[in-house]
Amino acid sequence: MTTSSDVVPSSFRDPSGFLFWKDDTLYRRVSAIYRDNYDHLMQSGLFDSLVDAGLLVAHEEASGEDVPATSIYKVLRPDVIPFISYPYEWSFSQLKDAALATLEIQKRALDFGMSLKDASA
């Protein structure tokens, strides 16, 4: 069972899931209410397209025993990014690259009949 101390504090804004740590491994919970959206992303080919292009962090689906509750559709084990930085730390060229990456992701998503749900910093 995931405890509140395991949840990554900055992950509170997304109603479709959250990040948490278990045994020194990072996971992402996908809530049952997001099942159709997640399945559509994975089955459409968009996920693979974005990962292959280096525009999205890859993940594996965790095994059934890692799923802590019935209200959870999936538990994902994302590739861990070696360090975290924040937009307020970035130079203009880094912000520009992030904006261009966001536009590229949106363009690819539209090709698969989808759209970004949150493209804020």
N, C-alpha and C. Protein backbone atom coordinates (compact mmCIF):
# COMPACT_ATOMS: atom_id res chain seq x y z
N MET A 1 0.84 -1.18 0.00
CA MET A 1 0.00 0.00 0.00
C MET A 1 0.88 1.24 0.00
N THR A 2 0.54 2.21 -0.80
CA THR A 2 1.29 3.45 -0.87
C THR A 2 0.88 4.35 0.28
N THR A 3 1.87 4.86 1.01
CA THR A 3 1.58 5.80 2.10
C THR A 3 1.84 7.20 1.61
N SER A 4 1.31 8.18 2.33
CA SER A 4 1.48 9.57 1.91
C SER A 4 2.94 9.98 1.91
N SER A 5 3.78 9.35 2.72
CA SER A 5 5.20 9.70 2.75
C SER A 5 5.93 9.19 1.52
N ASP A 6 5.36 8.21 0.80
CA ASP A 6 5.98 7.67 -0.39
C ASP A 6 5.68 8.48 -1.64
N VAL A 7 4.61 9.27 -1.60
CA VAL A 7 4.16 10.03 -2.76
C VAL A 7 5.12 11.20 -3.01
N VAL A 8 5.48 11.41 -4.28
CA VAL A 8 6.33 12.54 -4.64
C VAL A 8 5.48 13.80 -4.49
N PRO A 9 5.89 14.73 -3.61
CA PRO A 9 5.03 15.89 -3.29
C PRO A 9 4.63 16.74 -4.50
N SER A 10 5.50 16.89 -5.48
CA SER A 10 5.19 17.74 -6.64
C SER A 10 4.22 17.07 -7.60
N SER A 11 3.79 15.86 -7.31
CA SER A 11 2.95 15.08 -8.20
C SER A 11 1.46 15.19 -7.85
N PHE A 12 1.09 16.14 -7.01
CA PHE A 12 -0.27 16.24 -6.50
C PHE A 12 -1.28 16.80 -7.49
N ARG A 13 -0.84 17.47 -8.54
CA ARG A 13 -1.77 18.19 -9.41
C ARG A 13 -2.52 17.32 -10.40
N ASP A 14 -2.04 16.13 -10.68
CA ASP A 14 -2.62 15.31 -11.73
C ASP A 14 -3.68 14.36 -11.16
N PRO A 15 -4.96 14.57 -11.49
CA PRO A 15 -6.01 13.71 -10.95
C PRO A 15 -5.99 12.29 -11.52
N SER A 16 -5.25 12.08 -12.61
CA SER A 16 -5.23 10.75 -13.23
C SER A 16 -4.14 9.85 -12.67
N GLY A 17 -3.36 10.34 -11.72
CA GLY A 17 -2.34 9.51 -11.12
C GLY A 17 -1.29 10.32 -10.38
N PHE A 18 -0.27 9.64 -9.89
CA PHE A 18 0.80 10.33 -9.19
C PHE A 18 2.05 9.45 -9.16
N LEU A 19 3.18 10.08 -8.86
CA LEU A 19 4.45 9.37 -8.70
C LEU A 19 4.62 8.98 -7.24
N PHE A 20 5.26 7.84 -7.03
CA PHE A 20 5.59 7.43 -5.67
C PHE A 20 6.82 6.53 -5.69
N TRP A 21 7.47 6.45 -4.55
CA TRP A 21 8.64 5.60 -4.36
C TRP A 21 8.26 4.36 -3.57
N LYS A 22 8.80 3.21 -3.97
CA LYS A 22 8.64 1.97 -3.22
C LYS A 22 9.94 1.21 -3.33
N ASP A 23 10.55 0.91 -2.21
CA ASP A 23 11.82 0.17 -2.19
C ASP A 23 12.86 0.80 -3.12
N ASP A 24 13.02 2.11 -3.01
CA ASP A 24 14.00 2.86 -3.80
C ASP A 24 13.76 2.80 -5.31
N THR A 25 12.54 2.50 -5.71
CA THR A 25 12.18 2.48 -7.13
C THR A 25 11.04 3.47 -7.34
N LEU A 26 11.15 4.28 -8.41
CA LEU A 26 10.12 5.25 -8.74
C LEU A 26 9.03 4.58 -9.56
N TYR A 27 7.77 4.87 -9.20
CA TYR A 27 6.61 4.35 -9.92
C TYR A 27 5.64 5.49 -10.21
N ARG A 28 4.77 5.25 -11.17
CA ARG A 28 3.66 6.17 -11.45
C ARG A 28 2.38 5.37 -11.42
N ARG A 29 1.46 5.82 -10.65
CA ARG A 29 0.15 5.19 -10.56
C ARG A 29 -0.76 5.80 -11.63
N VAL A 30 -1.45 4.97 -12.37
CA VAL A 30 -2.48 5.42 -13.32
C VAL A 30 -3.81 5.02 -12.71
N SER A 31 -4.63 6.01 -12.40
CA SER A 31 -5.94 5.77 -11.76
C SER A 31 -6.88 5.07 -12.73
N ALA A 32 -7.81 4.33 -12.16
CA ALA A 32 -8.79 3.60 -12.96
C ALA A 32 -9.60 4.53 -13.86
N ILE A 33 -9.84 5.77 -13.41
CA ILE A 33 -10.63 6.71 -14.22
C ILE A 33 -9.89 7.13 -15.50
N TYR A 34 -8.61 6.85 -15.57
CA TYR A 34 -7.82 7.23 -16.75
C TYR A 34 -7.54 6.04 -17.67
N ARG A 35 -8.19 4.93 -17.41
CA ARG A 35 -7.96 3.67 -18.15
C ARG A 35 -8.08 3.85 -19.67
N ASP A 36 -9.18 4.41 -20.13
CA ASP A 36 -9.41 4.53 -21.57
C ASP A 36 -8.34 5.41 -22.24
N ASN A 37 -7.98 6.51 -21.57
CA ASN A 37 -6.96 7.40 -22.13
C ASN A 37 -5.60 6.70 -22.22
N TYR A 38 -5.23 6.00 -21.14
CA TYR A 38 -3.95 5.29 -21.13
C TYR A 38 -3.91 4.22 -22.21
N ASP A 39 -4.97 3.42 -22.29
CA ASP A 39 -5.03 2.36 -23.31
C ASP A 39 -4.94 2.95 -24.71
N HIS A 40 -5.62 4.06 -24.94
CA HIS A 40 -5.58 4.70 -26.26
C HIS A 40 -4.16 5.16 -26.60
N LEU A 41 -3.49 5.79 -25.64
CA LEU A 41 -2.11 6.21 -25.86
C LEU A 41 -1.22 5.03 -26.21
N MET A 42 -1.31 3.96 -25.46
CA MET A 42 -0.42 2.83 -25.65
C MET A 42 -0.73 2.05 -26.93
N GLN A 43 -1.99 1.95 -27.30
CA GLN A 43 -2.38 1.17 -28.47
C GLN A 43 -2.28 1.95 -29.78
N SER A 44 -2.25 3.27 -29.69
CA SER A 44 -2.27 4.11 -30.90
C SER A 44 -0.93 4.17 -31.63
N GLY A 45 0.16 3.95 -30.91
CA GLY A 45 1.48 4.11 -31.49
C GLY A 45 2.13 5.44 -31.12
N LEU A 46 1.35 6.37 -30.55
CA LEU A 46 1.91 7.67 -30.18
C LEU A 46 2.99 7.53 -29.11
N PHE A 47 2.75 6.72 -28.10
CA PHE A 47 3.75 6.53 -27.04
C PHE A 47 5.09 6.11 -27.65
N ASP A 48 5.08 5.09 -28.49
CA ASP A 48 6.32 4.60 -29.11
C ASP A 48 6.97 5.67 -29.97
N SER A 49 6.17 6.42 -30.70
CA SER A 49 6.68 7.49 -31.56
C SER A 49 7.41 8.54 -30.73
N LEU A 50 6.80 8.95 -29.61
CA LEU A 50 7.40 9.98 -28.77
C LEU A 50 8.66 9.48 -28.06
N VAL A 51 8.62 8.26 -27.58
CA VAL A 51 9.80 7.69 -26.91
C VAL A 51 10.94 7.54 -27.90
N ASP A 52 10.65 7.01 -29.08
CA ASP A 52 11.68 6.82 -30.11
C ASP A 52 12.33 8.14 -30.52
N ALA A 53 11.55 9.23 -30.48
CA ALA A 53 12.06 10.55 -30.86
C ALA A 53 12.75 11.27 -29.69
N GLY A 54 12.76 10.65 -28.52
CA GLY A 54 13.36 11.29 -27.35
C GLY A 54 12.52 12.41 -26.77
N LEU A 55 11.22 12.39 -27.05
CA LEU A 55 10.32 13.45 -26.58
C LEU A 55 9.52 13.06 -25.34
N LEU A 56 9.61 11.80 -24.93
CA LEU A 56 8.86 11.32 -23.78
C LEU A 56 9.71 10.29 -23.05
N VAL A 57 9.63 10.30 -21.73
CA VAL A 57 10.35 9.33 -20.91
C VAL A 57 9.67 7.97 -21.03
N ALA A 58 10.45 6.95 -21.29
CA ALA A 58 9.92 5.59 -21.44
C ALA A 58 9.52 5.03 -20.07
N HIS A 59 8.67 4.00 -20.10
CA HIS A 59 8.30 3.30 -18.87
C HIS A 59 8.02 1.84 -19.18
N GLU A 60 8.00 1.05 -18.12
CA GLU A 60 7.53 -0.34 -18.18
C GLU A 60 6.31 -0.43 -17.29
N GLU A 61 5.40 -1.32 -17.62
CA GLU A 61 4.29 -1.59 -16.72
C GLU A 61 4.80 -2.54 -15.65
N ALA A 62 4.53 -2.20 -14.39
CA ALA A 62 4.97 -3.03 -13.27
C ALA A 62 4.11 -4.28 -13.21
N SER A 63 4.63 -5.31 -12.61
CA SER A 63 3.90 -6.56 -12.50
C SER A 63 2.72 -6.42 -11.54
N GLY A 64 1.79 -7.35 -11.60
CA GLY A 64 0.57 -7.29 -10.80
C GLY A 64 0.80 -7.17 -9.31
N GLU A 65 1.84 -7.80 -8.80
CA GLU A 65 2.07 -7.74 -7.35
C GLU A 65 2.52 -6.36 -6.89
N ASP A 66 2.95 -5.49 -7.84
CA ASP A 66 3.34 -4.13 -7.48
C ASP A 66 2.14 -3.20 -7.41
N VAL A 67 0.98 -3.64 -7.88
CA VAL A 67 -0.21 -2.79 -7.88
C VAL A 67 -0.83 -2.79 -6.49
N PRO A 68 -0.83 -1.62 -5.80
CA PRO A 68 -1.21 -1.60 -4.40
C PRO A 68 -2.70 -1.52 -4.06
N ALA A 69 -3.58 -1.22 -5.01
CA ALA A 69 -5.00 -1.10 -4.64
C ALA A 69 -5.88 -1.29 -5.87
N THR A 70 -7.16 -1.53 -5.64
CA THR A 70 -8.09 -1.80 -6.73
C THR A 70 -8.49 -0.56 -7.51
N SER A 71 -8.37 0.64 -6.94
CA SER A 71 -8.74 1.87 -7.66
C SER A 71 -7.65 2.27 -8.66
N ILE A 72 -6.63 1.47 -8.74
CA ILE A 72 -5.50 1.76 -9.63
C ILE A 72 -5.60 0.86 -10.85
N TYR A 73 -5.50 1.47 -12.03
CA TYR A 73 -5.53 0.69 -13.26
C TYR A 73 -4.17 0.08 -13.55
N LYS A 74 -3.13 0.88 -13.51
CA LYS A 74 -1.78 0.42 -13.82
C LYS A 74 -0.79 1.08 -12.88
N VAL A 75 0.32 0.41 -12.71
CA VAL A 75 1.47 1.01 -12.05
C VAL A 75 2.62 0.91 -13.04
N LEU A 76 3.23 2.06 -13.31
CA LEU A 76 4.30 2.15 -14.29
C LEU A 76 5.63 2.37 -13.58
N ARG A 77 6.69 1.85 -14.16
CA ARG A 77 8.04 2.08 -13.66
C ARG A 77 8.76 2.90 -14.74
N PRO A 78 8.77 4.24 -14.58
CA PRO A 78 9.41 5.08 -15.61
C PRO A 78 10.93 5.01 -15.53
N ASP A 79 11.59 5.25 -16.66
CA ASP A 79 13.03 5.44 -16.64
C ASP A 79 13.30 6.68 -15.79
N VAL A 80 14.30 6.60 -14.95
CA VAL A 80 14.60 7.72 -14.06
C VAL A 80 15.51 8.71 -14.77
N ILE A 81 15.17 9.97 -14.71
CA ILE A 81 15.98 11.04 -15.27
C ILE A 81 17.10 11.31 -14.27
N PRO A 82 18.36 11.42 -14.73
CA PRO A 82 19.48 11.51 -13.80
C PRO A 82 19.48 12.74 -12.89
N PHE A 83 18.86 13.83 -13.31
CA PHE A 83 18.75 14.99 -12.44
C PHE A 83 17.52 15.77 -12.84
N ILE A 84 17.02 16.55 -11.91
CA ILE A 84 15.82 17.35 -12.16
C ILE A 84 16.22 18.81 -12.23
N SER A 85 15.68 19.49 -13.23
CA SER A 85 15.84 20.94 -13.31
C SER A 85 14.47 21.55 -13.53
N TYR A 86 14.36 22.83 -13.29
CA TYR A 86 13.08 23.51 -13.35
C TYR A 86 13.14 24.66 -14.36
N PRO A 87 12.02 24.98 -15.01
CA PRO A 87 12.02 26.03 -16.02
C PRO A 87 12.59 27.36 -15.53
N TYR A 88 12.39 27.69 -14.27
CA TYR A 88 12.93 28.97 -13.78
C TYR A 88 14.46 28.96 -13.73
N GLU A 89 15.09 27.80 -13.90
CA GLU A 89 16.55 27.70 -13.93
C GLU A 89 17.11 27.74 -15.36
N TRP A 90 16.25 27.65 -16.36
CA TRP A 90 16.70 27.47 -17.73
C TRP A 90 17.06 28.79 -18.40
N SER A 91 18.01 28.69 -19.33
CA SER A 91 18.36 29.83 -20.17
C SER A 91 17.28 30.00 -21.25
N PHE A 92 17.38 31.11 -21.98
CA PHE A 92 16.41 31.34 -23.06
C PHE A 92 16.44 30.19 -24.07
N SER A 93 17.62 29.73 -24.45
CA SER A 93 17.68 28.67 -25.46
C SER A 93 17.09 27.35 -24.95
N GLN A 94 17.21 27.09 -23.65
CA GLN A 94 16.59 25.89 -23.09
C GLN A 94 15.06 26.03 -23.09
N LEU A 95 14.57 27.20 -22.75
CA LEU A 95 13.13 27.44 -22.79
C LEU A 95 12.60 27.31 -24.22
N LYS A 96 13.37 27.83 -25.18
CA LYS A 96 12.97 27.73 -26.58
C LYS A 96 12.92 26.27 -27.01
N ASP A 97 13.95 25.48 -26.63
CA ASP A 97 13.96 24.05 -26.97
C ASP A 97 12.75 23.34 -26.35
N ALA A 98 12.41 23.69 -25.11
CA ALA A 98 11.26 23.08 -24.46
C ALA A 98 9.96 23.45 -25.19
N ALA A 99 9.84 24.70 -25.61
CA ALA A 99 8.65 25.13 -26.35
C ALA A 99 8.55 24.40 -27.68
N LEU A 100 9.67 24.26 -28.37
CA LEU A 100 9.66 23.55 -29.65
C LEU A 100 9.35 22.07 -29.47
N ALA A 101 9.85 21.48 -28.39
CA ALA A 101 9.53 20.07 -28.10
C ALA A 101 8.04 19.91 -27.81
N THR A 102 7.47 20.85 -27.06
CA THR A 102 6.04 20.81 -26.75
C THR A 102 5.21 20.90 -28.03
N LEU A 103 5.60 21.79 -28.92
CA LEU A 103 4.88 21.91 -30.20
C LEU A 103 5.02 20.64 -31.04
N GLU A 104 6.20 20.03 -31.03
CA GLU A 104 6.40 18.79 -31.79
C GLU A 104 5.55 17.66 -31.20
N ILE A 105 5.49 17.58 -29.88
CA ILE A 105 4.66 16.56 -29.24
C ILE A 105 3.20 16.77 -29.61
N GLN A 106 2.73 18.03 -29.57
CA GLN A 106 1.34 18.32 -29.92
C GLN A 106 1.06 17.96 -31.38
N LYS A 107 1.99 18.29 -32.25
CA LYS A 107 1.82 17.97 -33.67
C LYS A 107 1.70 16.47 -33.89
N ARG A 108 2.58 15.71 -33.25
CA ARG A 108 2.51 14.25 -33.37
C ARG A 108 1.22 13.70 -32.75
N ALA A 109 0.81 14.26 -31.61
CA ALA A 109 -0.42 13.81 -30.96
C ALA A 109 -1.62 14.01 -31.88
N LEU A 110 -1.69 15.15 -32.55
CA LEU A 110 -2.80 15.40 -33.47
C LEU A 110 -2.84 14.37 -34.59
N ASP A 111 -1.67 13.93 -35.06
CA ASP A 111 -1.62 12.89 -36.09
C ASP A 111 -2.25 11.58 -35.62
N PHE A 112 -2.30 11.37 -34.29
CA PHE A 112 -2.88 10.17 -33.71
C PHE A 112 -4.26 10.43 -33.10
N GLY A 113 -4.81 11.63 -33.39
CA GLY A 113 -6.14 11.96 -32.88
C GLY A 113 -6.16 12.32 -31.40
N MET A 114 -5.03 12.79 -30.89
CA MET A 114 -4.96 13.14 -29.47
C MET A 114 -4.40 14.56 -29.32
N SER A 115 -4.43 15.03 -28.08
CA SER A 115 -3.92 16.36 -27.77
C SER A 115 -3.31 16.34 -26.37
N LEU A 116 -2.36 17.23 -26.14
CA LEU A 116 -1.80 17.36 -24.80
C LEU A 116 -2.89 17.82 -23.84
N LYS A 117 -2.89 17.28 -22.63
CA LYS A 117 -3.88 17.73 -21.65
C LYS A 117 -3.30 18.80 -20.74
N ASP A 118 -1.99 18.87 -20.64
CA ASP A 118 -1.36 19.86 -19.77
C ASP A 118 0.02 20.14 -20.34
N ALA A 119 0.21 21.30 -20.86
CA ALA A 119 1.50 21.66 -21.45
C ALA A 119 2.11 22.85 -20.74
N SER A 120 1.82 22.99 -19.47
CA SER A 120 2.40 24.09 -18.71
C SER A 120 3.85 23.78 -18.36
N ALA A 121 4.56 24.79 -17.89
CA ALA A 121 5.96 24.60 -17.51
C ALA A 121 6.08 23.48 -16.50
